[in-house]
Each structure stands twice: as structure tokens, then as C-alpha cells.
């Protein structure tokens, strides 16, 4: 049994001092007072805040690897290593709009990665190609297509892990989204020009999330609330947000927080290959993407994902929003776990959950992480 004894431990009650977490066989077996730590446990003192490991639902790449270009176990492992150094202990490799054979290879690679025990892989995020070309952003218009029954069969074929699908609900034939949800797929609206009314009807079919709120979706207007209005008005949905000081104005983030509450906000990175790499440019299809000043853009200025990592997202949330560190951490751990129905597996420091943890220093930077109780330095 391993006993981790940090300066502070984040539990359901908030940050607590004088506590240690007991780990056995990769799982949390108890949280006890220091004085009650079993003498038989291998005790390790830690300087800093021990918090649940971060879970990133939108990871296009990292460590010089773009998932679309390397939909392999090796590609997933390289991306995971890059993001783990920033406290990410669970992630969904994200394949953006592409041919369905690429999506298929990505899904099979995720299955194999889970079987082989690649640390941190929780499933896959398929972002497109079932999106609205009017709101495609950096996505390749030639890859965009309407969702149909063969696509549904592919999207519901993952045998291990979570499948999160971002699509434009206004372009989906009636009943298609419901089929996905009934098969266990987590649906999210994104890259969409839906009206408020269309989005409300889609929510009745079962999508629970909104992908990178405010970006490439119909905006909130007084007489046309759009997708943003539907997201902020929906009590039961979650909203992914990219808090990188680039994608969304701080005031818009505070409005989202006021409408959704801290429990409705999920921090994501939408990270590209430059994260965790010295590489500052890469190809996205036929387009050159360059990172400069924390922005990843094409030659015409179109944003192309981000240069964000999860530890920075948490720090930015504390600096930008009226939330404390505990709430910001939960936006990057417990909230995403709940959003993809993994709250009984990971996302919190609680008895029975997997020991996915990260140690933060006084500046909120990741110093060390544990995935299923296995340690690695940042």
C-alpha cells in the first residue's frame, strides 16, 4: 500500500491539510488523517497540492504528433506523454474532420491503446466530419459530409472506452442523434449554425455537451439566441471552454459561468502538436499552421486549435473567472469525467476511484502525476 501525504489534498470538502491518500492496486482505498496512516504503508511526503488528475476531452495532438496524421497506438502514446507533463492523466485523442477510413483507423488505434495499457487513454473524440461547412473554422471543407446510417455504425463501433462525437445537429436526419445516444455515444454540438429552436429539439434527442463554447457556432442575439443561447439556457448540458486568453473574451467566460455554474463548465485544450514540443509549426492537411504568442493560426489568421495545456487552463480559469483553485481543478477533472460518464472511474480523490492524481506547486504547475497509481515526473 502506498500513502501519499501532501501539504494539501483536494477532497469533496475542499483543500484539506493533514490528510493522506492510500493507494493499492492502482485505486484509492482510503483517505485518512496523517496520524491514522497505516504503519505498513509506504509513506511519501509531498510538498504541494495533490489534486485529481486533469481530464482533457479534446486533444488533437501534442509532442509533435497530430492524431489525424498518426492514428496509431504509437501516436496516441506520444500525445499522452506530452500532455501528462502538464498534469493530464486522462484524455480523448481527437480526430477532426477527415475521411471515414481515417476515423475508423483512429478508433481501432484507441481500442488497441487501451488493451495495451497506454497511460491515460479514455476513448476517442470524433470532431466532425458531420459539421456545418458554414462554421467549419479550420476544418477541411472537402472532408465534411452528412451523417448517415453507415457513419452511425462506425461511430458506435468502439469496443473499449468512451466515444464523444461533435456534430452539427441541424444537419443530422431525424432520429440519427437519438440512435447514437442510445448506443452509448456522448453527443456534443459544435461547428454548428443551428437556431435556438433547432438546438432545443436536438437536445431532446440526447446530446449533452457543447464543443468549445462560443467558437464556430451561432451566437447569442436578442431575437435569435442561437446555439450559444441554447447552451447557456440548458440546465442539464455541459460546455467545453478553451481558456487560453485567445479563443474567448474573459467577459464571455464569466457570463457562461454565471449561466451554467462551475459544475457546467468543462475545461478543454483543443491542443495541437506544438504542446509539449519545440516544434512551432506543422501541417494540417495542406495548410501550414504556426504557433506564435500562444496562438495557432493558418496563414489567413484562422485559429487552428490551441497551444494550451490543462495546467495552464486551470491557472487561467483562476485568473479569469471568479473561481478558486478547487473549483478550477474540478472544471478540469471531475466535470469532464462526469460529462463522459466516467465519474465512477476517475476525476476525483475518492475511495474506489482510480488513483489518477497530479501534484501542483505553489504556482499551480504540474510537478508529478500518477495514473492508476503509477508515478511520473512532469
Protein backbone atom coordinates (compact mmCIF):
# COMPACT_ATOMS: atom_id res chain seq x y z
CA UNK A 1 0.00 0.00 0.00
CA UNK A 2 1.22 3.49 -0.93
CA UNK A 3 0.41 6.50 1.24
CA UNK A 4 0.76 9.92 -0.41
CA UNK A 5 0.91 12.70 2.16
CA UNK A 6 0.82 16.15 0.53
CA UNK A 7 0.80 19.63 2.02
CA UNK A 8 -2.87 19.83 0.99
CA UNK A 9 -5.25 17.29 -0.50
CA UNK A 10 -8.31 18.21 -2.59
CA UNK A 11 -11.32 16.21 -1.42
CA UNK A 12 -15.06 16.72 -1.77
CA UNK A 13 -14.82 19.05 1.23
CA UNK A 14 -12.17 21.23 -0.42
CA UNK A 15 -8.47 21.52 0.27
CA UNK A 16 -7.51 19.77 3.49
CA UNK A 17 -4.18 19.65 5.33
CA UNK A 18 -3.03 16.75 7.45
CA UNK A 19 -4.50 14.11 5.18
CA UNK A 20 -3.04 11.30 3.13
CA UNK A 21 -4.48 9.16 0.37
CA UNK A 22 -3.95 5.40 0.47
CA UNK A 23 -3.44 3.61 -2.84
CA UNK A 24 -3.46 -0.11 -3.54
CA UNK A 25 -3.62 -1.96 -6.86
CA UNK A 26 -3.94 1.35 -8.72
CA UNK A 27 -7.02 2.51 -6.81
CA UNK A 28 -7.75 4.84 -3.92
CA UNK A 29 -8.67 2.71 -0.92
CA UNK A 30 -8.98 5.41 1.75
CA UNK A 31 -8.35 9.00 2.76
CA UNK A 32 -7.11 9.18 6.33
CA UNK A 33 -5.57 11.60 8.79
CA UNK A 34 -1.79 11.55 8.92
CA UNK A 35 -1.87 10.05 12.40
CA UNK A 36 -4.04 7.20 11.13
CA UNK A 37 -1.76 6.26 8.25
CA UNK A 38 -1.06 2.51 8.50
CA UNK A 39 2.45 1.67 9.62
CA UNK A 40 2.62 -0.97 6.89
CA UNK A 41 2.07 1.60 4.12
CA UNK A 42 4.94 3.00 2.10
CA UNK A 43 4.61 6.63 3.12
CA UNK A 44 5.73 9.51 0.88
CA UNK A 45 5.58 13.16 1.88
CA UNK A 46 4.77 15.60 -0.92
CA UNK A 47 5.24 19.37 -0.98
CA UNK A 48 2.32 20.96 -2.80
CA UNK A 49 -1.36 20.38 -3.59
CA UNK A 50 -2.42 16.87 -4.54
CA UNK A 51 -5.48 17.09 -6.79
CA UNK A 52 -7.37 14.82 -9.18
CA UNK A 53 -5.53 14.37 -12.46
CA UNK A 54 -6.80 16.52 -15.30
CA UNK A 55 -9.03 15.02 -17.99
CA UNK A 56 -8.90 16.59 -21.45
CA UNK A 57 -11.79 15.76 -23.76
CA UNK A 58 -10.31 17.50 -26.81
CA UNK A 59 -6.70 16.69 -27.71
CA UNK A 60 -5.84 16.96 -31.39
CA UNK A 61 -2.15 16.43 -30.78
CA UNK A 62 0.94 17.02 -28.72
CA UNK A 63 4.61 16.18 -28.62
CA UNK A 64 4.93 16.95 -32.33
CA UNK A 65 2.17 14.49 -33.28
CA UNK A 66 -1.19 15.26 -34.94
CA UNK A 67 -3.67 12.43 -34.31
CA UNK A 68 -5.19 12.72 -37.80
CA UNK A 69 -1.77 12.09 -39.31
CA UNK A 70 -0.75 9.33 -36.89
CA UNK A 71 -3.89 7.42 -35.88
CA UNK A 72 -1.80 4.70 -34.26
CA UNK A 73 -1.05 3.36 -30.81
CA UNK A 74 2.38 4.98 -31.03
CA UNK A 75 0.85 8.33 -31.97
CA UNK A 76 -1.59 8.16 -29.06
CA UNK A 77 1.22 7.27 -26.64
CA UNK A 78 3.33 10.21 -27.81
CA UNK A 79 0.41 12.62 -27.39
CA UNK A 80 -0.33 11.23 -23.94
CA UNK A 81 3.29 11.61 -22.80
CA UNK A 82 3.38 15.23 -23.93
CA UNK A 83 0.21 16.16 -22.07
CA UNK A 84 0.98 14.14 -18.96
CA UNK A 85 3.83 16.52 -18.22
CA UNK A 86 1.12 19.18 -17.74
CA UNK A 87 -0.99 17.09 -15.35
CA UNK A 88 -3.29 15.38 -17.85
CA UNK A 89 -3.93 11.85 -16.62
CA UNK A 90 -6.91 11.09 -18.85
CA UNK A 91 -7.61 12.21 -22.40
CA UNK A 92 -9.61 11.64 -25.55
CA UNK A 93 -7.40 11.68 -28.65
CA UNK A 94 -9.38 13.83 -31.07
CA UNK A 95 -9.68 13.22 -34.79
CA UNK A 96 -11.03 16.23 -36.69
CA UNK A 97 -12.98 16.16 -39.97
CA UNK A 98 -11.46 13.54 -42.24
CA UNK A 99 -12.36 10.60 -44.44
CA UNK A 100 -14.22 7.84 -42.62
CA UNK A 101 -11.37 5.38 -43.14
CA UNK A 102 -9.16 7.73 -41.08
CA UNK A 103 -11.83 7.87 -38.38
CA UNK A 104 -12.00 4.08 -38.45
CA UNK A 105 -8.22 3.73 -38.07
CA UNK A 106 -8.28 6.23 -35.20
CA UNK A 107 -10.98 4.28 -33.40
CA UNK A 108 -9.17 0.98 -33.82
CA UNK A 109 -5.95 2.58 -32.58
CA UNK A 110 -7.74 3.79 -29.45
CA UNK A 111 -9.07 0.29 -28.80
CA UNK A 112 -5.59 -1.16 -29.17
CA UNK A 113 -4.07 1.57 -26.98
CA UNK A 114 -6.50 0.74 -24.18
CA UNK A 115 -5.80 -3.00 -24.50
CA UNK A 116 -2.04 -2.35 -24.43
CA UNK A 117 -2.36 -0.13 -21.37
CA UNK A 118 -1.20 3.17 -22.87
CA UNK A 119 -1.48 5.51 -19.87
CA UNK A 120 -4.40 7.92 -19.78
CA UNK A 121 -6.40 6.88 -22.85
CA UNK A 122 -10.13 7.06 -22.04
CA UNK A 123 -11.63 6.79 -25.52
CA UNK A 124 -11.92 8.97 -28.60
CA UNK A 125 -13.40 12.30 -29.62
CA UNK A 126 -14.62 12.41 -33.22
CA UNK A 127 -14.95 16.12 -34.05
CA UNK A 128 -16.53 16.13 -37.49
CA UNK A 129 -16.82 15.49 -40.35
CA UNK A 130 -20.54 15.80 -39.59
CA UNK A 131 -20.42 19.58 -39.15
CA UNK A 132 -21.82 22.64 -40.88
CA UNK A 133 -19.44 23.93 -43.58
CA UNK A 134 -20.59 27.47 -42.77
CA UNK A 135 -18.99 27.05 -39.32
CA UNK A 136 -16.09 24.81 -40.27
CA UNK A 137 -13.32 27.02 -38.87
CA UNK A 138 -10.04 25.36 -39.80
CA UNK A 139 -11.69 22.06 -40.80
CA UNK A 140 -11.18 20.95 -44.41
CA UNK A 141 -14.43 21.63 -46.28
CA UNK A 142 -13.75 18.77 -48.70
CA UNK A 143 -13.94 16.28 -45.79
CA UNK A 144 -17.29 17.49 -44.42
CA UNK A 145 -20.25 15.17 -45.02
CA UNK A 146 -23.71 14.43 -43.71
CA UNK A 147 -24.10 11.77 -41.10
CA UNK A 148 -25.89 8.64 -42.31
CA UNK A 149 -26.52 5.07 -41.19
CA UNK A 150 -23.07 3.72 -42.23
CA UNK A 151 -21.49 6.57 -40.27
CA UNK A 152 -23.66 5.73 -37.25
CA UNK A 153 -22.49 2.12 -37.46
CA UNK A 154 -18.87 3.31 -37.43
CA UNK A 155 -19.36 5.80 -34.58
CA UNK A 156 -20.99 3.14 -32.40
CA UNK A 157 -18.33 0.50 -33.09
CA UNK A 158 -15.79 1.32 -30.36
CA UNK A 159 -15.45 -1.77 -28.17
CA UNK A 160 -13.46 -0.09 -25.38
CA UNK A 161 -13.57 3.39 -23.93
CA UNK A 162 -15.76 6.43 -24.46
CA UNK A 163 -16.88 7.79 -27.82
CA UNK A 164 -17.58 11.54 -27.89
CA UNK A 165 -18.92 12.90 -31.18
CA UNK A 166 -19.14 16.57 -32.14
CA UNK A 167 -21.64 17.32 -34.89
CA UNK A 168 -23.96 20.00 -36.27
CA UNK A 169 -27.41 18.86 -35.13
CA UNK A 170 -29.30 20.94 -37.70
CA UNK A 171 -27.82 18.79 -40.49
CA UNK A 172 -28.49 15.41 -38.90
CA UNK A 173 -31.52 13.48 -40.24
CA UNK A 174 -34.30 12.99 -37.68
CA UNK A 175 -33.59 10.16 -35.25
CA UNK A 176 -29.89 9.82 -36.07
CA UNK A 177 -28.65 11.57 -32.93
CA UNK A 178 -31.03 9.51 -30.82
CA UNK A 179 -29.53 6.31 -32.30
CA UNK A 180 -26.04 7.44 -31.36
CA UNK A 181 -27.06 8.30 -27.81
CA UNK A 182 -28.98 5.05 -27.34
CA UNK A 183 -25.81 3.18 -28.36
CA UNK A 184 -23.84 4.95 -25.63
CA UNK A 185 -22.17 7.69 -27.66
CA UNK A 186 -21.80 11.05 -25.90
CA UNK A 187 -23.11 13.75 -28.22
CA UNK A 188 -21.88 17.32 -28.38
CA UNK A 189 -22.98 20.22 -30.59
CA UNK A 190 -20.23 22.10 -32.34
CA UNK A 191 -19.27 23.73 -35.64
CA UNK A 192 -22.97 24.44 -35.99
CA UNK A 193 -25.23 27.17 -37.37
CA UNK A 194 -28.35 25.80 -35.65
CA UNK A 195 -31.05 28.16 -34.48
CA UNK A 196 -32.06 28.17 -30.84
CA UNK A 197 -35.19 26.19 -31.74
CA UNK A 198 -33.23 23.60 -33.72
CA UNK A 199 -30.80 23.20 -30.87
CA UNK A 200 -33.55 22.74 -28.33
CA UNK A 201 -35.12 20.00 -30.46
CA UNK A 202 -31.73 18.32 -30.78
CA UNK A 203 -31.22 18.42 -27.01
CA UNK A 204 -34.42 16.40 -26.67
CA UNK A 205 -32.69 13.61 -28.64
CA UNK A 206 -29.90 13.41 -26.12
CA UNK A 207 -26.76 15.48 -26.80
CA UNK A 208 -25.36 16.63 -23.50
CA UNK A 209 -22.48 18.89 -24.46
CA UNK A 210 -21.31 21.88 -26.45
CA UNK A 211 -17.88 21.81 -28.05
CA UNK A 212 -15.66 24.88 -27.46
CA UNK A 213 -18.49 27.22 -26.46
CA UNK A 214 -18.74 30.50 -28.42
CA UNK A 215 -16.39 29.32 -31.16
CA UNK A 216 -17.72 28.40 -34.65
CA UNK A 217 -21.38 28.32 -33.61
CA UNK A 218 -24.38 30.63 -33.97
CA UNK A 219 -24.12 33.41 -31.41
CA UNK A 220 -26.49 34.87 -28.83
CA UNK A 221 -28.61 37.72 -30.18
CA UNK A 222 -31.63 39.42 -28.65
CA UNK A 223 -34.19 37.88 -31.00
CA UNK A 224 -32.11 34.90 -32.13
CA UNK A 225 -30.42 33.19 -29.16
CA UNK A 226 -28.65 30.65 -31.38
CA UNK A 227 -26.56 27.74 -30.15
CA UNK A 228 -24.79 29.89 -27.55
CA UNK A 229 -28.16 30.91 -26.12
CA UNK A 230 -29.35 27.29 -26.06
CA UNK A 231 -26.16 26.22 -24.31
CA UNK A 232 -26.41 28.88 -21.63
CA UNK A 233 -30.14 28.24 -21.21
CA UNK A 234 -29.86 24.46 -20.89
CA UNK A 235 -29.81 23.29 -17.29
CA UNK A 236 -28.53 19.78 -17.89
CA UNK A 237 -25.81 20.27 -20.51
CA UNK A 238 -22.09 20.91 -20.15
CA UNK A 239 -20.00 23.39 -22.09
CA UNK A 240 -16.41 22.82 -23.11
CA UNK A 241 -14.40 26.05 -22.99
CA UNK A 242 -10.89 26.90 -24.16
CA UNK A 243 -9.49 29.28 -21.53
CA UNK A 244 -6.30 30.29 -23.32
CA UNK A 245 -6.77 34.09 -23.44
CA UNK A 246 -7.26 33.73 -27.20
CA UNK A 247 -10.46 31.85 -28.04
CA UNK A 248 -12.95 33.55 -25.71
CA UNK A 249 -13.10 37.01 -24.12
CA UNK A 250 -12.92 36.94 -20.29
CA UNK A 251 -16.32 38.65 -20.03
CA UNK A 252 -17.92 35.93 -22.18
CA UNK A 253 -16.35 33.29 -19.94
CA UNK A 254 -17.76 34.99 -16.85
CA UNK A 255 -21.21 35.11 -18.46
CA UNK A 256 -21.00 31.38 -19.18
CA UNK A 257 -20.01 30.71 -15.58
CA UNK A 258 -22.91 32.80 -14.30
CA UNK A 259 -25.37 30.90 -16.50
CA UNK A 260 -24.03 27.36 -16.10
CA UNK A 261 -22.43 27.43 -12.69
CA UNK A 262 -18.99 25.96 -12.09
CA UNK A 263 -20.38 22.44 -12.42
CA UNK A 264 -21.47 23.09 -16.02
CA UNK A 265 -18.07 24.22 -17.30
CA UNK A 266 -15.53 21.75 -18.69
CA UNK A 267 -12.00 22.94 -19.39
CA UNK A 268 -10.54 21.61 -22.64
CA UNK A 269 -7.37 22.43 -24.56
CA UNK A 270 -8.14 21.69 -28.24
CA UNK A 271 -4.37 21.21 -28.25
CA UNK A 272 -2.25 20.89 -31.35
CA UNK A 273 1.15 19.16 -31.90
CA UNK A 274 3.16 22.11 -30.61
CA UNK A 275 2.11 21.39 -26.99
CA UNK A 276 4.97 19.64 -25.24
CA UNK A 277 7.22 20.11 -28.24
CA UNK A 278 9.84 22.54 -29.51
CA UNK A 279 8.05 22.39 -32.86
CA UNK A 280 6.33 25.70 -33.66
CA UNK A 281 4.67 24.82 -36.97
CA UNK A 282 3.02 21.81 -38.56
CA UNK A 283 0.82 20.84 -41.49
CA UNK A 284 -2.91 20.42 -41.05
CA UNK A 285 -3.86 18.78 -44.30
CA UNK A 286 -2.49 21.13 -46.95
CA UNK A 287 -2.32 24.16 -44.65
CA UNK A 288 0.67 25.35 -42.67
CA UNK A 289 -0.20 26.13 -39.04
CA UNK A 290 2.14 28.24 -36.94
CA UNK A 291 2.20 28.86 -33.21
CA UNK A 292 3.19 32.37 -32.20
CA UNK A 293 2.39 34.20 -28.99
CA UNK A 294 0.25 31.33 -27.73
CA UNK A 295 -1.90 31.28 -30.90
CA UNK A 296 -2.03 28.53 -33.51
CA UNK A 297 -3.16 30.03 -36.81
CA UNK A 298 -3.15 29.43 -40.54
CA UNK A 299 -1.67 31.99 -42.93
CA UNK A 300 -5.02 33.79 -43.18
CA UNK A 301 -5.29 34.15 -39.39
CA UNK A 302 -7.85 31.37 -38.88
CA UNK A 303 -7.45 29.82 -35.44
CA UNK A 304 -6.36 26.17 -35.61
CA UNK A 305 -6.79 24.59 -32.22
CA UNK A 306 -4.60 25.89 -29.43
CA UNK A 307 -1.20 25.82 -27.75
CA UNK A 308 -2.88 25.26 -24.38
CA UNK A 309 -2.20 22.59 -21.77
CA UNK A 310 -4.54 21.64 -18.93
CA UNK A 311 -2.43 23.01 -16.07
CA UNK A 312 -2.38 26.38 -17.83
CA UNK A 313 -6.13 26.14 -18.45
CA UNK A 314 -6.70 25.69 -14.71
CA UNK A 315 -4.41 28.60 -13.84
CA UNK A 316 -6.10 30.79 -16.47
CA UNK A 317 -9.53 29.91 -15.07
CA UNK A 318 -8.47 31.08 -11.61
CA UNK A 319 -7.09 34.31 -13.08
CA UNK A 320 -10.00 34.97 -15.44
CA UNK A 321 -13.08 33.71 -13.64
CA UNK A 322 -14.32 34.34 -10.13
CA UNK A 323 -13.45 30.78 -9.05
CA UNK A 324 -10.89 29.44 -6.62
CA UNK A 325 -8.32 26.76 -7.36
CA UNK A 326 -10.52 23.96 -6.07
CA UNK A 327 -13.35 24.87 -8.48
CA UNK A 328 -10.96 25.35 -11.39
CA UNK A 329 -9.41 21.94 -10.76
CA UNK A 330 -12.85 20.33 -10.76
CA UNK A 331 -13.59 22.03 -14.09
CA UNK A 332 -10.56 20.16 -15.40
CA UNK A 333 -11.12 16.83 -13.65
CA UNK A 334 -14.46 15.92 -12.10
CA UNK A 335 -16.59 17.86 -14.58
CA UNK A 336 -15.10 16.25 -17.69
CA UNK A 337 -15.28 12.81 -16.05
CA UNK A 338 -18.98 13.32 -15.36
CA UNK A 339 -19.56 14.68 -18.87
CA UNK A 340 -18.48 11.40 -20.45
CA UNK A 341 -19.97 9.22 -17.71
CA UNK A 342 -16.69 8.24 -16.06
CA UNK A 343 -17.32 9.80 -12.66
CA UNK A 344 -17.35 6.33 -11.06
CA UNK A 345 -13.92 5.60 -12.54
CA UNK A 346 -11.81 8.75 -12.25
CA UNK A 347 -11.91 12.53 -11.81
CA UNK A 348 -11.86 12.88 -8.03
CA UNK A 349 -9.91 11.81 -4.97
CA UNK A 350 -12.41 9.40 -3.52
CA UNK A 351 -12.39 5.85 -2.26
CA UNK A 352 -12.94 3.33 -5.04
CA UNK A 353 -11.76 5.55 -7.89
CA UNK A 354 -8.63 5.04 -9.94
CA UNK A 355 -5.58 6.75 -8.45
CA UNK A 356 -5.22 9.39 -11.18
CA UNK A 357 -3.57 12.33 -9.44
CA UNK A 358 -1.40 15.36 -10.03
CA UNK A 359 0.82 17.31 -7.66
CA UNK A 360 0.75 21.09 -8.17
CA UNK A 361 3.35 23.52 -6.90
CA UNK A 362 2.57 26.94 -5.39
CA UNK A 363 2.19 28.45 -8.88
CA UNK A 364 -0.24 25.75 -10.00
CA UNK A 365 2.24 23.98 -12.25
CA UNK A 366 2.25 20.21 -12.52
CA UNK A 367 5.22 18.68 -10.73
CA UNK A 368 4.33 14.99 -10.78
CA UNK A 369 1.44 12.76 -11.76
CA UNK A 370 0.04 9.30 -11.08
CA UNK A 371 -2.09 7.23 -13.46
CA UNK A 372 -3.62 4.18 -11.79
CA UNK A 373 -1.12 4.77 -9.00
CA UNK A 374 1.92 4.73 -11.29
CA UNK A 375 4.09 7.82 -10.87
CA UNK A 376 5.85 10.00 -13.41
CA UNK A 377 7.62 13.34 -13.01
CA UNK A 378 6.40 16.31 -15.04
